[in-house]
Amino acid sequence: MILFFGTRPGKMEQRKLVGATCSYCKQTNTLNLIEQANFFHLFWIKLFKIHTNRFAECSHCKKAYLEKELPSEIIRT
């Protein structure tokens, strides 16, 4: 019997962080929060979420911020 299992990334979700200011270029309302979850799958069927990767990117200067680099008030929004 052959079992196909492993992990795969899910759909990438993006939302704008309103009121957030980029610390690099000092532009307001240019940060986008990007989230992508990794799922465990069996026979190409998603069973459960393992981990979620989050980061923010400035649409003006293209600077990327990892989740641990973001201020806590931005993460709560």
PDB file of N, CA and C in Angstrom:
ATOM      1  N   MET A   1       0.849  -1.181   0.000  1.00  0.00           N
ATOM      2  CA  MET A   1       0.000   0.000   0.000  1.00  0.00           C
ATOM      3  C   MET A   1       0.891   1.240   0.000  1.00  0.00           C
ATOM      4  N   ILE A   2       0.562   2.181  -0.855  1.00  0.00           N
ATOM      5  CA  ILE A   2       1.333   3.408  -0.978  1.00  0.00           C
ATOM      6  C   ILE A   2       0.529   4.556  -0.380  1.00  0.00           C
ATOM      7  N   LEU A   3       1.189   5.325   0.498  1.00  0.00           N
ATOM      8  CA  LEU A   3       0.567   6.517   1.091  1.00  0.00           C
ATOM      9  C   LEU A   3       1.296   7.751   0.600  1.00  0.00           C
ATOM     10  N   PHE A   4       0.560   8.718   0.124  1.00  0.00           N
ATOM     11  CA  PHE A   4       1.133   9.997  -0.263  1.00  0.00           C
ATOM     12  C   PHE A   4       0.787  11.008   0.823  1.00  0.00           C
ATOM     13  N   PHE A   5       1.822  11.512   1.514  1.00  0.00           N
ATOM     14  CA  PHE A   5       1.594  12.495   2.563  1.00  0.00           C
ATOM     15  C   PHE A   5       2.732  13.501   2.557  1.00  0.00           C
ATOM     16  N   GLY A   6       2.500  14.618   3.193  1.00  0.00           N
ATOM     17  CA  GLY A   6       3.529  15.653   3.276  1.00  0.00           C
ATOM     18  C   GLY A   6       2.917  16.985   3.668  1.00  0.00           C
ATOM     19  N   THR A   7       3.643  18.057   3.373  1.00  0.00           N
ATOM     20  CA  THR A   7       3.169  19.399   3.674  1.00  0.00           C
ATOM     21  C   THR A   7       3.128  20.218   2.391  1.00  0.00           C
ATOM     22  N   ARG A   8       2.205  21.166   2.366  1.00  0.00           N
ATOM     23  CA  ARG A   8       2.060  22.056   1.221  1.00  0.00           C
ATOM     24  C   ARG A   8       1.636  23.426   1.720  1.00  0.00           C
ATOM     25  N   PRO A   9       2.061  24.468   1.022  1.00  0.00           N
ATOM     26  CA  PRO A   9       1.577  25.802   1.394  1.00  0.00           C
ATOM     27  C   PRO A   9       0.147  26.005   0.917  1.00  0.00           C
ATOM     28  N   GLY A  10      -0.606  26.760   1.707  1.00  0.00           N
ATOM     29  CA  GLY A  10      -1.978  27.092   1.332  1.00  0.00           C
ATOM     30  C   GLY A  10      -2.014  28.381   0.524  1.00  0.00           C
ATOM     31  N   LYS A  11      -3.198  28.921   0.385  1.00  0.00           N
ATOM     32  CA  LYS A  11      -3.404  30.148  -0.375  1.00  0.00           C
ATOM     33  C   LYS A  11      -2.816  31.340   0.385  1.00  0.00           C
ATOM     34  N   MET A  12      -2.147  32.215  -0.338  1.00  0.00           N
ATOM     35  CA  MET A  12      -1.558  33.405   0.257  1.00  0.00           C
ATOM     36  C   MET A  12      -2.642  34.465   0.409  1.00  0.00           C
ATOM     37  N   GLU A  13      -2.789  34.996   1.627  1.00  0.00           N
ATOM     38  CA  GLU A  13      -3.783  36.029   1.899  1.00  0.00           C
ATOM     39  C   GLU A  13      -3.069  37.341   2.194  1.00  0.00           C
ATOM     40  N   GLN A  14      -3.617  38.417   1.664  1.00  0.00           N
ATOM     41  CA  GLN A  14      -2.980  39.716   1.805  1.00  0.00           C
ATOM     42  C   GLN A  14      -4.029  40.735   2.245  1.00  0.00           C
ATOM     43  N   ARG A  15      -3.647  41.589   3.228  1.00  0.00           N
ATOM     44  CA  ARG A  15      -4.541  42.670   3.637  1.00  0.00           C
ATOM     45  C   ARG A  15      -3.733  43.908   3.968  1.00  0.00           C
ATOM     46  N   LYS A  16      -4.350  45.051   3.746  1.00  0.00           N
ATOM     47  CA  LYS A  16      -3.690  46.332   3.958  1.00  0.00           C
ATOM     48  C   LYS A  16      -3.761  46.699   5.431  1.00  0.00           C
ATOM     49  N   LEU A  17      -2.645  47.187   5.985  1.00  0.00           N
ATOM     50  CA  LEU A  17      -2.597  47.645   7.366  1.00  0.00           C
ATOM     51  C   LEU A  17      -2.866  49.149   7.376  1.00  0.00           C
ATOM     52  N   VAL A  18      -4.094  49.514   7.708  1.00  0.00           N
ATOM     53  CA  VAL A  18      -4.504  50.916   7.695  1.00  0.00           C
ATOM     54  C   VAL A  18      -3.927  51.630   8.911  1.00  0.00           C
ATOM     55  N   GLY A  19      -3.330  52.781   8.683  1.00  0.00           N
ATOM     56  CA  GLY A  19      -2.774  53.585   9.763  1.00  0.00           C
ATOM     57  C   GLY A  19      -1.354  53.222  10.146  1.00  0.00           C
ATOM     58  N   ALA A  20      -0.790  52.197   9.549  1.00  0.00           N
ATOM     59  CA  ALA A  20       0.574  51.771   9.872  1.00  0.00           C
ATOM     60  C   ALA A  20       1.575  52.566   9.034  1.00  0.00           C
ATOM     61  N   THR A  21       2.701  52.885   9.641  1.00  0.00           N
ATOM     62  CA  THR A  21       3.741  53.657   8.969  1.00  0.00           C
ATOM     63  C   THR A  21       4.983  52.800   8.793  1.00  0.00           C
ATOM     64  N   CYS A  22       5.565  52.836   7.605  1.00  0.00           N
ATOM     65  CA  CYS A  22       6.802  52.116   7.328  1.00  0.00           C
ATOM     66  C   CYS A  22       7.942  52.835   8.051  1.00  0.00           C
ATOM     67  N   SER A  23       8.710  52.097   8.824  1.00  0.00           N
ATOM     68  CA  SER A  23       9.807  52.715   9.581  1.00  0.00           C
ATOM     69  C   SER A  23      10.998  53.038   8.695  1.00  0.00           C
ATOM     70  N   TYR A  24      11.033  52.512   7.491  1.00  0.00           N
ATOM     71  CA  TYR A  24      12.161  52.752   6.587  1.00  0.00           C
ATOM     72  C   TYR A  24      11.947  54.000   5.732  1.00  0.00           C
ATOM     73  N   CYS A  25      10.786  54.108   5.072  1.00  0.00           N
ATOM     74  CA  CYS A  25      10.540  55.249   4.174  1.00  0.00           C
ATOM     75  C   CYS A  25       9.578  56.266   4.772  1.00  0.00           C
ATOM     76  N   LYS A  26       9.013  55.978   5.957  1.00  0.00           N
ATOM     77  CA  LYS A  26       8.116  56.878   6.685  1.00  0.00           C
ATOM     78  C   LYS A  26       6.807  57.173   5.955  1.00  0.00           C
ATOM     79  N   GLN A  27       6.384  56.301   5.061  1.00  0.00           N
ATOM     80  CA  GLN A  27       5.109  56.462   4.358  1.00  0.00           C
ATOM     81  C   GLN A  27       4.006  55.789   5.173  1.00  0.00           C
ATOM     82  N   THR A  28       2.834  56.411   5.204  1.00  0.00           N
ATOM     83  CA  THR A  28       1.695  55.873   5.947  1.00  0.00           C
ATOM     84  C   THR A  28       0.766  55.131   4.992  1.00  0.00           C
ATOM     85  N   ASN A  29       0.115  54.092   5.502  1.00  0.00           N
ATOM     86  CA  ASN A  29      -0.859  53.271   4.764  1.00  0.00           C
ATOM     87  C   ASN A  29      -0.242  52.562   3.557  1.00  0.00           C
ATOM     88  N   THR A  30       1.011  52.169   3.639  1.00  0.00           N
ATOM     89  CA  THR A  30       1.643  51.444   2.535  1.00  0.00           C
ATOM     90  C   THR A  30       2.021  50.018   2.919  1.00  0.00           C
ATOM     91  N   LEU A  31       1.785  49.610   4.171  1.00  0.00           N
ATOM     92  CA  LEU A  31       2.149  48.259   4.608  1.00  0.00           C
ATOM     93  C   LEU A  31       1.030  47.268   4.310  1.00  0.00           C
ATOM     94  N   ASN A  32       1.408  46.124   3.758  1.00  0.00           N
ATOM     95  CA  ASN A  32       0.492  45.017   3.492  1.00  0.00           C
ATOM     96  C   ASN A  32       0.940  43.817   4.306  1.00  0.00           C
ATOM     97  N   LEU A  33       0.017  43.210   5.042  1.00  0.00           N
ATOM     98  CA  LEU A  33       0.301  42.009   5.817  1.00  0.00           C
ATOM     99  C   LEU A  33       0.010  40.803   4.940  1.00  0.00           C
ATOM    100  N   ILE A  34       0.974  39.915   4.817  1.00  0.00           N
ATOM    101  CA  ILE A  34       0.844  38.724   3.977  1.00  0.00           C
ATOM    102  C   ILE A  34       0.951  37.494   4.876  1.00  0.00           C
ATOM    103  N   GLU A  35      -0.044  36.603   4.773  1.00  0.00           N
ATOM    104  CA  GLU A  35      -0.086  35.376   5.565  1.00  0.00           C
ATOM    105  C   GLU A  35      -0.219  34.175   4.642  1.00  0.00           C
ATOM    106  N   GLN A  36       0.546  33.137   4.966  1.00  0.00           N
ATOM    107  CA  GLN A  36       0.438  31.892   4.209  1.00  0.00           C
ATOM    108  C   GLN A  36       0.594  30.728   5.178  1.00  0.00           C
ATOM    109  N   ALA A  37      -0.392  29.862   5.199  1.00  0.00           N
ATOM    110  CA  ALA A  37      -0.389  28.720   6.109  1.00  0.00           C
ATOM    111  C   ALA A  37       0.181  27.488   5.407  1.00  0.00           C
ATOM    112  N   ASN A  38       0.861  26.633   6.160  1.00  0.00           N
ATOM    113  CA  ASN A  38       1.329  25.340   5.669  1.00  0.00           C
ATOM    114  C   ASN A  38       0.421  24.266   6.252  1.00  0.00           C
ATOM    115  N   PHE A  39       0.011  23.337   5.402  1.00  0.00           N
ATOM    116  CA  PHE A  39      -0.914  22.286   5.801  1.00  0.00           C
ATOM    117  C   PHE A  39      -0.281  20.912   5.644  1.00  0.00           C
ATOM    118  N   PHE A  40      -0.668  19.998   6.531  1.00  0.00           N
ATOM    119  CA  PHE A  40      -0.337  18.586   6.368  1.00  0.00           C
ATOM    120  C   PHE A  40      -1.400  17.994   5.462  1.00  0.00           C
ATOM    121  N   HIS A  41      -0.986  17.198   4.503  1.00  0.00           N
ATOM    122  CA  HIS A  41      -1.956  16.603   3.592  1.00  0.00           C
ATOM    123  C   HIS A  41      -1.706  15.109   3.456  1.00  0.00           C
ATOM    124  N   LEU A  42      -2.773  14.411   3.142  1.00  0.00           N
ATOM    125  CA  LEU A  42      -2.756  12.981   2.883  1.00  0.00           C
ATOM    126  C   LEU A  42      -3.512  12.765   1.580  1.00  0.00           C
ATOM    127  N   PHE A  43      -2.839  12.176   0.604  1.00  0.00           N
ATOM    128  CA  PHE A  43      -3.409  12.013  -0.734  1.00  0.00           C
ATOM    129  C   PHE A  43      -3.921  13.346  -1.286  1.00  0.00           C
ATOM    130  N   TRP A  44      -3.138  14.392  -1.116  1.00  0.00           N
ATOM    131  CA  TRP A  44      -3.404  15.743  -1.645  1.00  0.00           C
ATOM    132  C   TRP A  44      -4.638  16.398  -1.059  1.00  0.00           C
ATOM    133  N   ILE A  45      -5.090  15.919   0.088  1.00  0.00           N
ATOM    134  CA  ILE A  45      -6.221  16.524   0.798  1.00  0.00           C
ATOM    135  C   ILE A  45      -5.684  17.174   2.061  1.00  0.00           C
ATOM    136  N   LYS A  46      -5.959  18.463   2.224  1.00  0.00           N
ATOM    137  CA  LYS A  46      -5.500  19.174   3.420  1.00  0.00           C
ATOM    138  C   LYS A  46      -6.213  18.619   4.643  1.00  0.00           C
ATOM    139  N   LEU A  47      -5.434  18.262   5.665  1.00  0.00           N
ATOM    140  CA  LEU A  47      -6.036  17.732   6.878  1.00  0.00           C
ATOM    141  C   LEU A  47      -6.018  18.743   8.012  1.00  0.00           C
ATOM    142  N   PHE A  48      -4.852  19.363   8.276  1.00  0.00           N
ATOM    143  CA  PHE A  48      -4.782  20.359   9.342  1.00  0.00           C
ATOM    144  C   PHE A  48      -3.626  21.316   9.091  1.00  0.00           C
ATOM    145  N   LYS A  49      -3.747  22.496   9.703  1.00  0.00           N
ATOM    146  CA  LYS A  49      -2.746  23.539   9.553  1.00  0.00           C
ATOM    147  C   LYS A  49      -1.582  23.268  10.498  1.00  0.00           C
ATOM    148  N   ILE A  50      -0.370  23.384   9.986  1.00  0.00           N
ATOM    149  CA  ILE A  50       0.827  23.159  10.785  1.00  0.00           C
ATOM    150  C   ILE A  50       1.398  24.477  11.294  1.00  0.00           C
ATOM    151  N   HIS A  51       1.546  25.442  10.398  1.00  0.00           N
ATOM    152  CA  HIS A  51       2.229  26.684  10.734  1.00  0.00           C
ATOM    153  C   HIS A  51       1.734  27.791   9.802  1.00  0.00           C
ATOM    154  N   THR A  52       1.767  29.018  10.281  1.00  0.00           N
ATOM    155  CA  THR A  52       1.407  30.166   9.457  1.00  0.00           C
ATOM    156  C   THR A  52       2.581  31.122   9.400  1.00  0.00           C
ATOM    157  N   ASN A  53       2.998  31.478   8.194  1.00  0.00           N
ATOM    158  CA  ASN A  53       4.061  32.459   8.001  1.00  0.00           C
ATOM    159  C   ASN A  53       3.425  33.823   7.773  1.00  0.00           C
ATOM    160  N   ARG A  54       3.908  34.828   8.506  1.00  0.00           N
ATOM    161  CA  ARG A  54       3.401  36.190   8.364  1.00  0.00           C
ATOM    162  C   ARG A  54       4.563  37.144   8.165  1.00  0.00           C
ATOM    163  N   PHE A  55       4.368  38.090   7.260  1.00  0.00           N
ATOM    164  CA  PHE A  55       5.316  39.186   7.110  1.00  0.00           C
ATOM    165  C   PHE A  55       4.591  40.365   6.494  1.00  0.00           C
ATOM    166  N   ALA A  56       5.177  41.539   6.639  1.00  0.00           N
ATOM    167  CA  ALA A  56       4.595  42.758   6.072  1.00  0.00           C
ATOM    168  C   ALA A  56       5.559  43.307   5.037  1.00  0.00           C
ATOM    169  N   GLU A  57       4.985  43.919   4.003  1.00  0.00           N
ATOM    170  CA  GLU A  57       5.799  44.508   2.947  1.00  0.00           C
ATOM    171  C   GLU A  57       5.264  45.899   2.641  1.00  0.00           C
ATOM    172  N   CYS A  58       6.162  46.859   2.498  1.00  0.00           N
ATOM    173  CA  CYS A  58       5.793  48.215   2.134  1.00  0.00           C
ATOM    174  C   CYS A  58       5.635  48.284   0.618  1.00  0.00           C
ATOM    175  N   SER A  59       4.498  48.787   0.165  1.00  0.00           N
ATOM    176  CA  SER A  59       4.263  48.871  -1.278  1.00  0.00           C
ATOM    177  C   SER A  59       5.012  50.044  -1.916  1.00  0.00           C
ATOM    178  N   HIS A  60       5.557  50.948  -1.096  1.00  0.00           N
ATOM    179  CA  HIS A  60       6.296  52.093  -1.621  1.00  0.00           C
ATOM    180  C   HIS A  60       7.778  51.754  -1.826  1.00  0.00           C
ATOM    181  N   CYS A  61       8.436  51.288  -0.761  1.00  0.00           N
ATOM    182  CA  CYS A  61       9.887  51.032  -0.842  1.00  0.00           C
ATOM    183  C   CYS A  61      10.224  49.548  -0.966  1.00  0.00           C
ATOM    184  N   LYS A  62       9.224  48.660  -0.865  1.00  0.00           N
ATOM    185  CA  LYS A  62       9.378  47.202  -0.975  1.00  0.00           C
ATOM    186  C   LYS A  62      10.182  46.582   0.176  1.00  0.00           C
ATOM    187  N   LYS A  63      10.300  47.284   1.296  1.00  0.00           N
ATOM    188  CA  LYS A  63      10.964  46.741   2.481  1.00  0.00           C
ATOM    189  C   LYS A  63      10.061  45.682   3.103  1.00  0.00           C
ATOM    190  N   ALA A  64      10.617  44.539   3.466  1.00  0.00           N
ATOM    191  CA  ALA A  64       9.862  43.448   4.085  1.00  0.00           C
ATOM    192  C   ALA A  64      10.196  43.376   5.569  1.00  0.00           C
ATOM    193  N   TYR A  65       9.192  43.145   6.373  1.00  0.00           N
ATOM    194  CA  TYR A  65       9.335  43.025   7.820  1.00  0.00           C
ATOM    195  C   TYR A  65       8.839  41.648   8.240  1.00  0.00           C
ATOM    196  N   LEU A  66       9.679  40.899   8.939  1.00  0.00           N
ATOM    197  CA  LEU A  66       9.252  39.621   9.495  1.00  0.00           C
ATOM    198  C   LEU A  66       8.286  39.868  10.641  1.00  0.00           C
ATOM    199  N   GLU A  67       7.553  38.848  11.040  1.00  0.00           N
ATOM    200  CA  GLU A  67       6.547  38.998  12.091  1.00  0.00           C
ATOM    201  C   GLU A  67       7.166  39.484  13.397  1.00  0.00           C
ATOM    202  N   LYS A  68       8.357  39.017  13.722  1.00  0.00           N
ATOM    203  CA  LYS A  68       8.981  39.428  14.982  1.00  0.00           C
ATOM    204  C   LYS A  68       9.531  40.856  14.934  1.00  0.00           C
ATOM    205  N   GLU A  69       9.653  41.447  13.754  1.00  0.00           N
ATOM    206  CA  GLU A  69      10.126  42.819  13.619  1.00  0.00           C
ATOM    207  C   GLU A  69       8.996  43.843  13.693  1.00  0.00           C
ATOM    208  N   LEU A  70       7.739  43.393  13.579  1.00  0.00           N
ATOM    209  CA  LEU A  70       6.616  44.304  13.565  1.00  0.00           C
ATOM    210  C   LEU A  70       6.239  44.735  14.993  1.00  0.00           C
ATOM    211  N   PRO A  71       5.856  45.997  15.160  1.00  0.00           N
ATOM    212  CA  PRO A  71       5.368  46.438  16.470  1.00  0.00           C
ATOM    213  C   PRO A  71       4.068  45.722  16.837  1.00  0.00           C
ATOM    214  N   SER A  72       3.817  45.540  18.114  1.00  0.00           N
ATOM    215  CA  SER A  72       2.651  44.777  18.562  1.00  0.00           C
ATOM    216  C   SER A  72       1.339  45.455  18.185  1.00  0.00           C
ATOM    217  N   GLU A  73       1.295  46.794  18.107  1.00  0.00           N
ATOM    218  CA  GLU A  73       0.042  47.452  17.739  1.00  0.00           C
ATOM    219  C   GLU A  73      -0.325  47.219  16.277  1.00  0.00           C
ATOM    220  N   ILE A  74       0.648  46.940  15.433  1.00  0.00           N
ATOM    221  CA  ILE A  74       0.371  46.618  14.027  1.00  0.00           C
ATOM    222  C   ILE A  74      -0.168  45.194  13.921  1.00  0.00           C
ATOM    223  N   ILE A  75       0.388  44.270  14.675  1.00  0.00           N
ATOM    224  CA  ILE A  75      -0.034  42.866  14.610  1.00  0.00           C
ATOM    225  C   ILE A  75      -1.478  42.716  15.086  1.00  0.00           C
ATOM    226  N   ARG A  76      -1.904  43.502  16.079  1.00  0.00           N
ATOM    227  CA  ARG A  76      -3.258  43.409  16.605  1.00  0.00           C
ATOM    228  C   ARG A  76      -4.317  43.883  15.638  1.00  0.00           C
ATOM    229  N   THR A  77      -3.960  44.689  14.620  1.00  0.00           N
ATOM    230  CA  THR A  77      -4.962  45.234  13.687  1.00  0.00           C
ATOM    231  C   THR A  77      -5.402  44.219  12.689  1.00  0.00           C
TER     232      THR A  77
END
